[in-house]
Amino acid sequence: MAIATDEVRLLIEAALPGSKVEVIDETGTRDHLKAIVEAPQFEGLSRIDQHRMVKKAVQQRFDDGSIHALSIQTSVPG
């Protein structure tokens, strides 16, 4: 089972309003993805806490097997 990159983007944007999100299918299989997320909610948080927020937004897709791997790159708007 694979997932559309747009669905992953929308899940992250819903969890982090005001964020800028790009999701890339790294392998062409739609289950190994990379999320590049810029969000004001990351201000003052450690990188690991930022990544936890992104992973939490898509956790149900990990649980149902739609996402096998997710590489995450985060930043604060500047």
PDB file of N, CA and C in Angstrom:
ATOM      1  N   MET A   1       0.850  -1.176   0.000  1.00  0.00           N
ATOM      2  CA  MET A   1       0.000   0.000   0.000  1.00  0.00           C
ATOM      3  C   MET A   1       0.896   1.241   0.000  1.00  0.00           C
ATOM      4  N   ALA A   2       0.628   2.142  -0.908  1.00  0.00           N
ATOM      5  CA  ALA A   2       1.416   3.371  -1.012  1.00  0.00           C
ATOM      6  C   ALA A   2       0.489   4.565  -0.807  1.00  0.00           C
ATOM      7  N   ILE A   3       1.083   5.734  -0.725  1.00  0.00           N
ATOM      8  CA  ILE A   3       0.318   6.945  -0.430  1.00  0.00           C
ATOM      9  C   ILE A   3       0.754   8.051  -1.392  1.00  0.00           C
ATOM     10  N   ALA A   4      -0.188   8.905  -1.743  1.00  0.00           N
ATOM     11  CA  ALA A   4       0.117  10.046  -2.601  1.00  0.00           C
ATOM     12  C   ALA A   4       0.879  11.096  -1.797  1.00  0.00           C
ATOM     13  N   THR A   5       1.874  11.696  -2.423  1.00  0.00           N
ATOM     14  CA  THR A   5       2.650  12.723  -1.732  1.00  0.00           C
ATOM     15  C   THR A   5       1.766  13.904  -1.330  1.00  0.00           C
ATOM     16  N   ASP A   6       0.747  14.205  -2.125  1.00  0.00           N
ATOM     17  CA  ASP A   6      -0.163  15.306  -1.773  1.00  0.00           C
ATOM     18  C   ASP A   6      -0.915  15.014  -0.482  1.00  0.00           C
ATOM     19  N   GLU A   7      -1.287  13.746  -0.255  1.00  0.00           N
ATOM     20  CA  GLU A   7      -1.987  13.400   0.984  1.00  0.00           C
ATOM     21  C   GLU A   7      -1.083  13.616   2.196  1.00  0.00           C
ATOM     22  N   VAL A   8       0.175  13.230   2.061  1.00  0.00           N
ATOM     23  CA  VAL A   8       1.124  13.428   3.160  1.00  0.00           C
ATOM     24  C   VAL A   8       1.312  14.920   3.417  1.00  0.00           C
ATOM     25  N   ARG A   9       1.447  15.690   2.360  1.00  0.00           N
ATOM     26  CA  ARG A   9       1.596  17.146   2.496  1.00  0.00           C
ATOM     27  C   ARG A   9       0.398  17.744   3.224  1.00  0.00           C
ATOM     28  N   LEU A  10      -0.801  17.337   2.848  1.00  0.00           N
ATOM     29  CA  LEU A  10      -2.013  17.869   3.477  1.00  0.00           C
ATOM     30  C   LEU A  10      -2.111  17.474   4.949  1.00  0.00           C
ATOM     31  N   LEU A  11      -1.708  16.267   5.293  1.00  0.00           N
ATOM     32  CA  LEU A  11      -1.716  15.838   6.694  1.00  0.00           C
ATOM     33  C   LEU A  11      -0.784  16.711   7.535  1.00  0.00           C
ATOM     34  N   ILE A  12       0.408  16.989   7.007  1.00  0.00           N
ATOM     35  CA  ILE A  12       1.377  17.807   7.735  1.00  0.00           C
ATOM     36  C   ILE A  12       0.885  19.250   7.836  1.00  0.00           C
ATOM     37  N   GLU A  13       0.373  19.790   6.737  1.00  0.00           N
ATOM     38  CA  GLU A  13      -0.142  21.168   6.759  1.00  0.00           C
ATOM     39  C   GLU A  13      -1.308  21.317   7.735  1.00  0.00           C
ATOM     40  N   ALA A  14      -2.148  20.299   7.844  1.00  0.00           N
ATOM     41  CA  ALA A  14      -3.279  20.351   8.777  1.00  0.00           C
ATOM     42  C   ALA A  14      -2.789  20.351  10.224  1.00  0.00           C
ATOM     43  N   ALA A  15      -1.733  19.593  10.490  1.00  0.00           N
ATOM     44  CA  ALA A  15      -1.195  19.515  11.848  1.00  0.00           C
ATOM     45  C   ALA A  15      -0.374  20.747  12.212  1.00  0.00           C
ATOM     46  N   LEU A  16       0.198  21.398  11.214  1.00  0.00           N
ATOM     47  CA  LEU A  16       1.060  22.563  11.430  1.00  0.00           C
ATOM     48  C   LEU A  16       0.565  23.730  10.566  1.00  0.00           C
ATOM     49  N   PRO A  17      -0.531  24.376  10.971  1.00  0.00           N
ATOM     50  CA  PRO A  17      -1.081  25.470  10.168  1.00  0.00           C
ATOM     51  C   PRO A  17      -0.038  26.559   9.901  1.00  0.00           C
ATOM     52  N   GLY A  18      -0.032  27.036   8.672  1.00  0.00           N
ATOM     53  CA  GLY A  18       0.917  28.073   8.289  1.00  0.00           C
ATOM     54  C   GLY A  18       2.248  27.539   7.812  1.00  0.00           C
ATOM     55  N   SER A  19       2.385  26.222   7.788  1.00  0.00           N
ATOM     56  CA  SER A  19       3.653  25.623   7.367  1.00  0.00           C
ATOM     57  C   SER A  19       3.763  25.595   5.844  1.00  0.00           C
ATOM     58  N   LYS A  20       5.000  25.487   5.380  1.00  0.00           N
ATOM     59  CA  LYS A  20       5.297  25.252   3.972  1.00  0.00           C
ATOM     60  C   LYS A  20       5.857  23.840   3.908  1.00  0.00           C
ATOM     61  N   VAL A  21       5.239  22.996   3.102  1.00  0.00           N
ATOM     62  CA  VAL A  21       5.595  21.580   3.078  1.00  0.00           C
ATOM     63  C   VAL A  21       5.825  21.114   1.648  1.00  0.00           C
ATOM     64  N   GLU A  22       6.910  20.385   1.460  1.00  0.00           N
ATOM     65  CA  GLU A  22       7.182  19.712   0.192  1.00  0.00           C
ATOM     66  C   GLU A  22       7.432  18.246   0.525  1.00  0.00           C
ATOM     67  N   VAL A  23       6.772  17.357  -0.196  1.00  0.00           N
ATOM     68  CA  VAL A  23       6.967  15.923   0.009  1.00  0.00           C
ATOM     69  C   VAL A  23       7.469  15.321  -1.298  1.00  0.00           C
ATOM     70  N   ILE A  24       8.552  14.577  -1.191  1.00  0.00           N
ATOM     71  CA  ILE A  24       9.210  13.988  -2.359  1.00  0.00           C
ATOM     72  C   ILE A  24       9.191  12.467  -2.234  1.00  0.00           C
ATOM     73  N   ASP A  25       8.830  11.800  -3.327  1.00  0.00           N
ATOM     74  CA  ASP A  25       8.904  10.341  -3.397  1.00  0.00           C
ATOM     75  C   ASP A  25      10.340  10.000  -3.786  1.00  0.00           C
ATOM     76  N   GLU A  26      11.109   9.497  -2.830  1.00  0.00           N
ATOM     77  CA  GLU A  26      12.543   9.295  -3.053  1.00  0.00           C
ATOM     78  C   GLU A  26      12.882   8.070  -3.896  1.00  0.00           C
ATOM     79  N   THR A  27      11.985   7.092  -3.974  1.00  0.00           N
ATOM     80  CA  THR A  27      12.327   5.847  -4.664  1.00  0.00           C
ATOM     81  C   THR A  27      11.394   5.506  -5.823  1.00  0.00           C
ATOM     82  N   GLY A  28      10.313   6.260  -5.987  1.00  0.00           N
ATOM     83  CA  GLY A  28       9.343   5.954  -7.029  1.00  0.00           C
ATOM     84  C   GLY A  28       8.316   4.917  -6.598  1.00  0.00           C
ATOM     85  N   THR A  29       8.394   4.472  -5.349  1.00  0.00           N
ATOM     86  CA  THR A  29       7.459   3.456  -4.844  1.00  0.00           C
ATOM     87  C   THR A  29       6.349   4.055  -3.991  1.00  0.00           C
ATOM     88  N   ARG A  30       6.412   5.343  -3.721  1.00  0.00           N
ATOM     89  CA  ARG A  30       5.435   6.088  -2.927  1.00  0.00           C
ATOM     90  C   ARG A  30       5.325   5.610  -1.483  1.00  0.00           C
ATOM     91  N   ASP A  31       6.349   4.950  -0.974  1.00  0.00           N
ATOM     92  CA  ASP A  31       6.335   4.584   0.445  1.00  0.00           C
ATOM     93  C   ASP A  31       7.635   4.959   1.153  1.00  0.00           C
ATOM     94  N   HIS A  32       8.610   5.474   0.401  1.00  0.00           N
ATOM     95  CA  HIS A  32       9.857   6.011   0.953  1.00  0.00           C
ATOM     96  C   HIS A  32       9.882   7.490   0.579  1.00  0.00           C
ATOM     97  N   LEU A  33       9.557   8.333   1.532  1.00  0.00           N
ATOM     98  CA  LEU A  33       9.325   9.742   1.247  1.00  0.00           C
ATOM     99  C   LEU A  33      10.291  10.651   1.995  1.00  0.00           C
ATOM    100  N   LYS A  34      10.380  11.876   1.501  1.00  0.00           N
ATOM    101  CA  LYS A  34      11.131  12.921   2.183  1.00  0.00           C
ATOM    102  C   LYS A  34      10.193  14.107   2.354  1.00  0.00           C
ATOM    103  N   ALA A  35      10.108  14.621   3.580  1.00  0.00           N
ATOM    104  CA  ALA A  35       9.289  15.803   3.856  1.00  0.00           C
ATOM    105  C   ALA A  35      10.202  16.955   4.240  1.00  0.00           C
ATOM    106  N   ILE A  36      10.045  18.065   3.540  1.00  0.00           N
ATOM    107  CA  ILE A  36      10.768  19.292   3.845  1.00  0.00           C
ATOM    108  C   ILE A  36       9.723  20.256   4.399  1.00  0.00           C
ATOM    109  N   VAL A  37       9.878  20.606   5.668  1.00  0.00           N
ATOM    110  CA  VAL A  37       8.832  21.354   6.366  1.00  0.00           C
ATOM    111  C   VAL A  37       9.410  22.600   7.024  1.00  0.00           C
ATOM    112  N   GLU A  38       8.817  23.732   6.707  1.00  0.00           N
ATOM    113  CA  GLU A  38       9.149  25.000   7.362  1.00  0.00           C
ATOM    114  C   GLU A  38       7.901  25.440   8.115  1.00  0.00           C
ATOM    115  N   ALA A  39       8.023  25.573   9.431  1.00  0.00           N
ATOM    116  CA  ALA A  39       6.842  25.895  10.229  1.00  0.00           C
ATOM    117  C   ALA A  39       7.179  26.808  11.403  1.00  0.00           C
ATOM    118  N   PRO A  40       6.318  27.797  11.650  1.00  0.00           N
ATOM    119  CA  PRO A  40       6.554  28.688  12.788  1.00  0.00           C
ATOM    120  C   PRO A  40       6.480  27.951  14.127  1.00  0.00           C
ATOM    121  N   GLN A  41       5.758  26.840  14.181  1.00  0.00           N
ATOM    122  CA  GLN A  41       5.625  26.069  15.422  1.00  0.00           C
ATOM    123  C   GLN A  41       6.953  25.474  15.882  1.00  0.00           C
ATOM    124  N   PHE A  42       7.933  25.431  15.007  1.00  0.00           N
ATOM    125  CA  PHE A  42       9.240  24.857  15.350  1.00  0.00           C
ATOM    126  C   PHE A  42      10.115  25.814  16.148  1.00  0.00           C
ATOM    127  N   GLU A  43       9.735  27.074  16.212  1.00  0.00           N
ATOM    128  CA  GLU A  43      10.538  28.083  16.914  1.00  0.00           C
ATOM    129  C   GLU A  43      10.846  27.627  18.338  1.00  0.00           C
ATOM    130  N   GLY A  44      12.134  27.614  18.684  1.00  0.00           N
ATOM    131  CA  GLY A  44      12.568  27.281  20.034  1.00  0.00           C
ATOM    132  C   GLY A  44      12.622  25.793  20.345  1.00  0.00           C
ATOM    133  N   LEU A  45      12.243  24.947  19.394  1.00  0.00           N
ATOM    134  CA  LEU A  45      12.264  23.497  19.624  1.00  0.00           C
ATOM    135  C   LEU A  45      13.548  22.873  19.103  1.00  0.00           C
ATOM    136  N   SER A  46      13.957  21.779  19.723  1.00  0.00           N
ATOM    137  CA  SER A  46      15.104  21.027  19.215  1.00  0.00           C
ATOM    138  C   SER A  46      14.722  20.367  17.889  1.00  0.00           C
ATOM    139  N   ARG A  47      15.716  20.005  17.126  1.00  0.00           N
ATOM    140  CA  ARG A  47      15.472  19.350  15.841  1.00  0.00           C
ATOM    141  C   ARG A  47      14.665  18.062  16.042  1.00  0.00           C
ATOM    142  N   ILE A  48      14.996  17.297  17.062  1.00  0.00           N
ATOM    143  CA  ILE A  48      14.275  16.044  17.294  1.00  0.00           C
ATOM    144  C   ILE A  48      12.805  16.295  17.629  1.00  0.00           C
ATOM    145  N   ASP A  49      12.516  17.351  18.389  1.00  0.00           N
ATOM    146  CA  ASP A  49      11.120  17.683  18.691  1.00  0.00           C
ATOM    147  C   ASP A  49      10.375  18.153  17.433  1.00  0.00           C
ATOM    148  N   GLN A  50      11.072  18.874  16.579  1.00  0.00           N
ATOM    149  CA  GLN A  50      10.473  19.286  15.305  1.00  0.00           C
ATOM    150  C   GLN A  50      10.116  18.047  14.479  1.00  0.00           C
ATOM    151  N   HIS A  51      11.031  17.097  14.407  1.00  0.00           N
ATOM    152  CA  HIS A  51      10.802  15.877  13.629  1.00  0.00           C
ATOM    153  C   HIS A  51       9.671  15.055  14.237  1.00  0.00           C
ATOM    154  N   ARG A  52       9.597  15.030  15.561  1.00  0.00           N
ATOM    155  CA  ARG A  52       8.498  14.308  16.222  1.00  0.00           C
ATOM    156  C   ARG A  52       7.141  14.898  15.835  1.00  0.00           C
ATOM    157  N   MET A  53       7.065  16.214  15.729  1.00  0.00           N
ATOM    158  CA  MET A  53       5.808  16.859  15.339  1.00  0.00           C
ATOM    159  C   MET A  53       5.382  16.442  13.932  1.00  0.00           C
ATOM    160  N   VAL A  54       6.348  16.376  13.032  1.00  0.00           N
ATOM    161  CA  VAL A  54       6.045  15.968  11.659  1.00  0.00           C
ATOM    162  C   VAL A  54       5.622  14.497  11.639  1.00  0.00           C
ATOM    163  N   LYS A  55       6.375  13.665  12.323  1.00  0.00           N
ATOM    164  CA  LYS A  55       6.045  12.231  12.337  1.00  0.00           C
ATOM    165  C   LYS A  55       4.671  11.989  12.954  1.00  0.00           C
ATOM    166  N   LYS A  56       4.335  12.726  13.999  1.00  0.00           N
ATOM    167  CA  LYS A  56       3.023  12.581  14.635  1.00  0.00           C
ATOM    168  C   LYS A  56       1.904  12.897  13.647  1.00  0.00           C
ATOM    169  N   ALA A  57       2.136  13.872  12.775  1.00  0.00           N
ATOM    170  CA  ALA A  57       1.120  14.275  11.800  1.00  0.00           C
ATOM    171  C   ALA A  57       0.775  13.155  10.820  1.00  0.00           C
ATOM    172  N   VAL A  58       1.732  12.270  10.568  1.00  0.00           N
ATOM    173  CA  VAL A  58       1.510  11.192   9.586  1.00  0.00           C
ATOM    174  C   VAL A  58       1.558   9.799  10.218  1.00  0.00           C
ATOM    175  N   GLN A  59       1.542   9.732  11.528  1.00  0.00           N
ATOM    176  CA  GLN A  59       1.698   8.445  12.224  1.00  0.00           C
ATOM    177  C   GLN A  59       0.700   7.386  11.768  1.00  0.00           C
ATOM    178  N   GLN A  60      -0.546   7.775  11.523  1.00  0.00           N
ATOM    179  CA  GLN A  60      -1.532   6.774  11.120  1.00  0.00           C
ATOM    180  C   GLN A  60      -1.152   6.124   9.793  1.00  0.00           C
ATOM    181  N   ARG A  61      -0.434   6.839   8.946  1.00  0.00           N
ATOM    182  CA  ARG A  61       0.002   6.264   7.666  1.00  0.00           C
ATOM    183  C   ARG A  61       1.189   5.315   7.841  1.00  0.00           C
ATOM    184  N   PHE A  62       1.984   5.525   8.886  1.00  0.00           N
ATOM    185  CA  PHE A  62       3.000   4.536   9.249  1.00  0.00           C
ATOM    186  C   PHE A  62       2.303   3.290   9.784  1.00  0.00           C
ATOM    187  N   ASP A  63       1.322   3.513  10.648  1.00  0.00           N
ATOM    188  CA  ASP A  63       0.624   2.407  11.300  1.00  0.00           C
ATOM    189  C   ASP A  63      -0.103   1.509  10.301  1.00  0.00           C
ATOM    190  N   ASP A  64      -0.676   2.114   9.240  1.00  0.00           N
ATOM    191  CA  ASP A  64      -1.396   1.285   8.266  1.00  0.00           C
ATOM    192  C   ASP A  64      -0.507   0.777   7.129  1.00  0.00           C
ATOM    193  N   GLY A  65       0.793   1.118   7.188  1.00  0.00           N
ATOM    194  CA  GLY A  65       1.743   0.605   6.201  1.00  0.00           C
ATOM    195  C   GLY A  65       1.865   1.414   4.924  1.00  0.00           C
ATOM    196  N   SER A  66       1.143   2.532   4.838  1.00  0.00           N
ATOM    197  CA  SER A  66       1.224   3.362   3.633  1.00  0.00           C
ATOM    198  C   SER A  66       2.597   4.003   3.475  1.00  0.00           C
ATOM    199  N   ILE A  67       3.208   4.364   4.598  1.00  0.00           N
ATOM    200  CA  ILE A  67       4.556   4.933   4.583  1.00  0.00           C
ATOM    201  C   ILE A  67       5.484   3.944   5.266  1.00  0.00           C
ATOM    202  N   HIS A  68       6.548   3.596   4.570  1.00  0.00           N
ATOM    203  CA  HIS A  68       7.553   2.695   5.149  1.00  0.00           C
ATOM    204  C   HIS A  68       8.703   3.493   5.761  1.00  0.00           C
ATOM    205  N   ALA A  69       9.095   4.590   5.090  1.00  0.00           N
ATOM    206  CA  ALA A  69      10.212   5.413   5.573  1.00  0.00           C
ATOM    207  C   ALA A  69       9.934   6.872   5.236  1.00  0.00           C
ATOM    208  N   LEU A  70      10.305   7.750   6.170  1.00  0.00           N
ATOM    209  CA  LEU A  70      10.128   9.179   5.967  1.00  0.00           C
ATOM    210  C   LEU A  70      11.369   9.914   6.455  1.00  0.00           C
ATOM    211  N   SER A  71      12.059  10.534   5.521  1.00  0.00           N
ATOM    212  CA  SER A  71      13.179  11.408   5.845  1.00  0.00           C
ATOM    213  C   SER A  71      12.600  12.798   6.078  1.00  0.00           C
ATOM    214  N   ILE A  72      13.055  13.461   7.142  1.00  0.00           N
ATOM    215  CA  ILE A  72      12.471  14.747   7.497  1.00  0.00           C
ATOM    216  C   ILE A  72      13.549  15.825   7.576  1.00  0.00           C
ATOM    217  N   GLN A  73      13.260  16.963   6.952  1.00  0.00           N
ATOM    218  CA  GLN A  73      14.113  18.147   7.025  1.00  0.00           C
ATOM    219  C   GLN A  73      13.227  19.285   7.501  1.00  0.00           C
ATOM    220  N   THR A  74      13.595  19.930   8.618  1.00  0.00           N
ATOM    221  CA  THR A  74      12.759  20.985   9.173  1.00  0.00           C
ATOM    222  C   THR A  74      13.511  22.303   9.297  1.00  0.00           C
ATOM    223  N   SER A  75      12.741  23.383   9.309  1.00  0.00           N
ATOM    224  CA  SER A  75      13.325  24.706   9.538  1.00  0.00           C
ATOM    225  C   SER A  75      12.237  25.648  10.033  1.00  0.00           C
ATOM    226  N   VAL A  76      12.693  26.760  10.614  1.00  0.00           N
ATOM    227  CA  VAL A  76      11.813  27.821  11.093  1.00  0.00           C
ATOM    228  C   VAL A  76      11.832  28.916  10.033  1.00  0.00           C
ATOM    229  N   PRO A  77      10.673  29.492   9.711  1.00  0.00           N
ATOM    230  CA  PRO A  77      10.672  30.581   8.725  1.00  0.00           C
ATOM    231  C   PRO A  77      11.618  31.700   9.164  1.00  0.00           C
ATOM    232  N   GLY A  78      12.324  32.220   8.218  1.00  0.00           N
ATOM    233  CA  GLY A  78      13.273  33.259   8.588  1.00  0.00           C
ATOM    234  C   GLY A  78      13.315  34.290   7.585  1.00  0.00           C
TER     235      GLY A  78
END
